[in-house]
Amino acid sequence: MDQIDLVQVLGGLVSVIIIAGAFVVKSILTQLDNAHRRISKNELSVAKFYVQKVDLAALEARIISLLTRIETKLDKKVDK
């Protein structure tokens, strides 16, 4: 009878350890999922601030225009 009781106690302990491990794994997976959702949300909000191609083309045109004006002014000063 003592051996049967010992086997039942050990079986119960193993079951408790397995169940506790399952809860820990579930908790970790839940935390990972929450972190993934937060990161995805942040990536989406960051992507809104990227320069779009149309905006970049307009900015490039303005920069080239300003550089051309500066170059013209410098050429006039050198020619004096």
C-alpha atoms as a PDB file:
ATOM      1  CA  MET A   1       0.000   0.000   0.000  1.00  0.00           C
ATOM      2  CA  ASP A   2       2.871   2.379   0.706  1.00  0.00           C
ATOM      3  CA  GLN A   3       4.255   1.989  -2.806  1.00  0.00           C
ATOM      4  CA  ILE A   4       0.863   2.716  -4.379  1.00  0.00           C
ATOM      5  CA  ASP A   5       0.462   5.830  -2.226  1.00  0.00           C
ATOM      6  CA  LEU A   6       3.982   6.973  -3.169  1.00  0.00           C
ATOM      7  CA  VAL A   7       3.264   6.435  -6.867  1.00  0.00           C
ATOM      8  CA  GLN A   8      -0.006   8.376  -6.573  1.00  0.00           C
ATOM      9  CA  VAL A   9       1.720  11.255  -4.743  1.00  0.00           C
ATOM     10  CA  LEU A  10       4.516  11.374  -7.315  1.00  0.00           C
ATOM     11  CA  GLY A  11       1.992  11.207 -10.141  1.00  0.00           C
ATOM     12  CA  GLY A  12       0.079  14.087  -8.565  1.00  0.00           C
ATOM     13  CA  LEU A  13       3.253  16.142  -8.194  1.00  0.00           C
ATOM     14  CA  VAL A  14       4.223  15.515 -11.817  1.00  0.00           C
ATOM     15  CA  SER A  15       0.729  16.539 -12.904  1.00  0.00           C
ATOM     16  CA  VAL A  16       0.923  19.750 -10.868  1.00  0.00           C
ATOM     17  CA  ILE A  17       4.353  20.562 -12.345  1.00  0.00           C
ATOM     18  CA  ILE A  18       3.089  19.944 -15.891  1.00  0.00           C
ATOM     19  CA  ILE A  19      -0.010  22.098 -15.322  1.00  0.00           C
ATOM     20  CA  ALA A  20       2.062  24.886 -13.749  1.00  0.00           C
ATOM     21  CA  GLY A  21       4.468  24.728 -16.691  1.00  0.00           C
ATOM     22  CA  ALA A  22       1.558  24.992 -19.106  1.00  0.00           C
ATOM     23  CA  PHE A  23       0.293  28.104 -17.310  1.00  0.00           C
ATOM     24  CA  VAL A  24       3.775  29.649 -17.435  1.00  0.00           C
ATOM     25  CA  VAL A  25       4.076  28.918 -21.163  1.00  0.00           C
ATOM     26  CA  LYS A  26       0.604  30.365 -21.773  1.00  0.00           C
ATOM     27  CA  SER A  27       1.510  33.497 -19.807  1.00  0.00           C
ATOM     28  CA  ILE A  28       4.729  33.934 -21.797  1.00  0.00           C
ATOM     29  CA  LEU A  29       2.903  33.481 -25.095  1.00  0.00           C
ATOM     30  CA  THR A  30       0.276  36.031 -24.046  1.00  0.00           C
ATOM     31  CA  GLN A  31       2.993  38.548 -23.162  1.00  0.00           C
ATOM     32  CA  LEU A  32       4.729  37.939 -26.493  1.00  0.00           C
ATOM     33  CA  ASP A  33       1.465  38.436 -28.353  1.00  0.00           C
ATOM     34  CA  ASN A  34       0.798  41.702 -26.498  1.00  0.00           C
ATOM     35  CA  ALA A  35       4.325  42.925 -27.248  1.00  0.00           C
ATOM     36  CA  HIS A  36       3.888  42.006 -30.913  1.00  0.00           C
ATOM     37  CA  ARG A  37       0.639  43.975 -31.087  1.00  0.00           C
ATOM     38  CA  ARG A  38       2.234  47.049 -29.460  1.00  0.00           C
ATOM     39  CA  ILE A  39       5.213  46.897 -31.834  1.00  0.00           C
ATOM     40  CA  SER A  40       2.936  46.497 -34.853  1.00  0.00           C
ATOM     41  CA  LYS A  41       0.869  49.487 -33.717  1.00  0.00           C
ATOM     42  CA  ASN A  42       4.022  51.592 -33.295  1.00  0.00           C
ATOM     43  CA  GLU A  43       5.349  50.531 -36.698  1.00  0.00           C
ATOM     44  CA  LEU A  44       2.077  51.624 -38.254  1.00  0.00           C
ATOM     45  CA  SER A  45       2.205  55.023 -36.570  1.00  0.00           C
ATOM     46  CA  VAL A  46       5.859  55.495 -37.570  1.00  0.00           C
ATOM     47  CA  ALA A  47       5.080  54.595 -41.171  1.00  0.00           C
ATOM     48  CA  LYS A  48       2.671  57.538 -41.335  1.00  0.00           C
ATOM     49  CA  PHE A  49       5.615  59.909 -40.940  1.00  0.00           C
ATOM     50  CA  TYR A  50       7.709  58.532 -43.802  1.00  0.00           C
ATOM     51  CA  VAL A  51       8.303  60.897 -46.684  1.00  0.00           C
ATOM     52  CA  GLN A  52       6.188  59.923 -49.632  1.00  0.00           C
ATOM     53  CA  LYS A  53       7.617  59.899 -53.141  1.00  0.00           C
ATOM     54  CA  VAL A  54       5.473  62.836 -54.277  1.00  0.00           C
ATOM     55  CA  ASP A  55       6.554  64.937 -51.302  1.00  0.00           C
ATOM     56  CA  LEU A  56      10.180  64.017 -51.881  1.00  0.00           C
ATOM     57  CA  ALA A  57       9.990  65.063 -55.541  1.00  0.00           C
ATOM     58  CA  ALA A  58       8.575  68.466 -54.571  1.00  0.00           C
ATOM     59  CA  LEU A  59      11.258  68.895 -51.903  1.00  0.00           C
ATOM     60  CA  GLU A  60      13.959  67.891 -54.373  1.00  0.00           C
ATOM     61  CA  ALA A  61      12.703  70.473 -56.874  1.00  0.00           C
ATOM     62  CA  ARG A  62      12.785  73.200 -54.202  1.00  0.00           C
ATOM     63  CA  ILE A  63      16.308  72.254 -53.132  1.00  0.00           C
ATOM     64  CA  ILE A  64      17.575  72.253 -56.724  1.00  0.00           C
ATOM     65  CA  SER A  65      15.937  75.637 -57.302  1.00  0.00           C
ATOM     66  CA  LEU A  66      17.600  77.103 -54.211  1.00  0.00           C
ATOM     67  CA  LEU A  67      20.981  75.624 -55.123  1.00  0.00           C
ATOM     68  CA  THR A  68      20.672  77.051 -58.620  1.00  0.00           C
ATOM     69  CA  ARG A  69      19.943  80.511 -57.183  1.00  0.00           C
ATOM     70  CA  ILE A  70      22.952  80.239 -54.862  1.00  0.00           C
ATOM     71  CA  GLU A  71      25.147  79.137 -57.746  1.00  0.00           C
ATOM     72  CA  THR A  72      23.967  82.076 -59.863  1.00  0.00           C
ATOM     73  CA  LYS A  73      24.704  84.544 -57.077  1.00  0.00           C
ATOM     74  CA  LEU A  74      28.158  83.084 -56.529  1.00  0.00           C
ATOM     75  CA  ASP A  75      28.898  83.240 -60.272  1.00  0.00           C
ATOM     76  CA  LYS A  76      27.883  86.939 -60.334  1.00  0.00           C
ATOM     77  CA  LYS A  77      30.200  87.703 -57.393  1.00  0.00           C
ATOM     78  CA  VAL A  78      33.115  85.857 -58.989  1.00  0.00           C
ATOM     79  CA  ASP A  79      32.584  87.669 -62.299  1.00  0.00           C
ATOM     80  CA  LYS A  80      32.881  91.115 -60.622  1.00  0.00           C
END
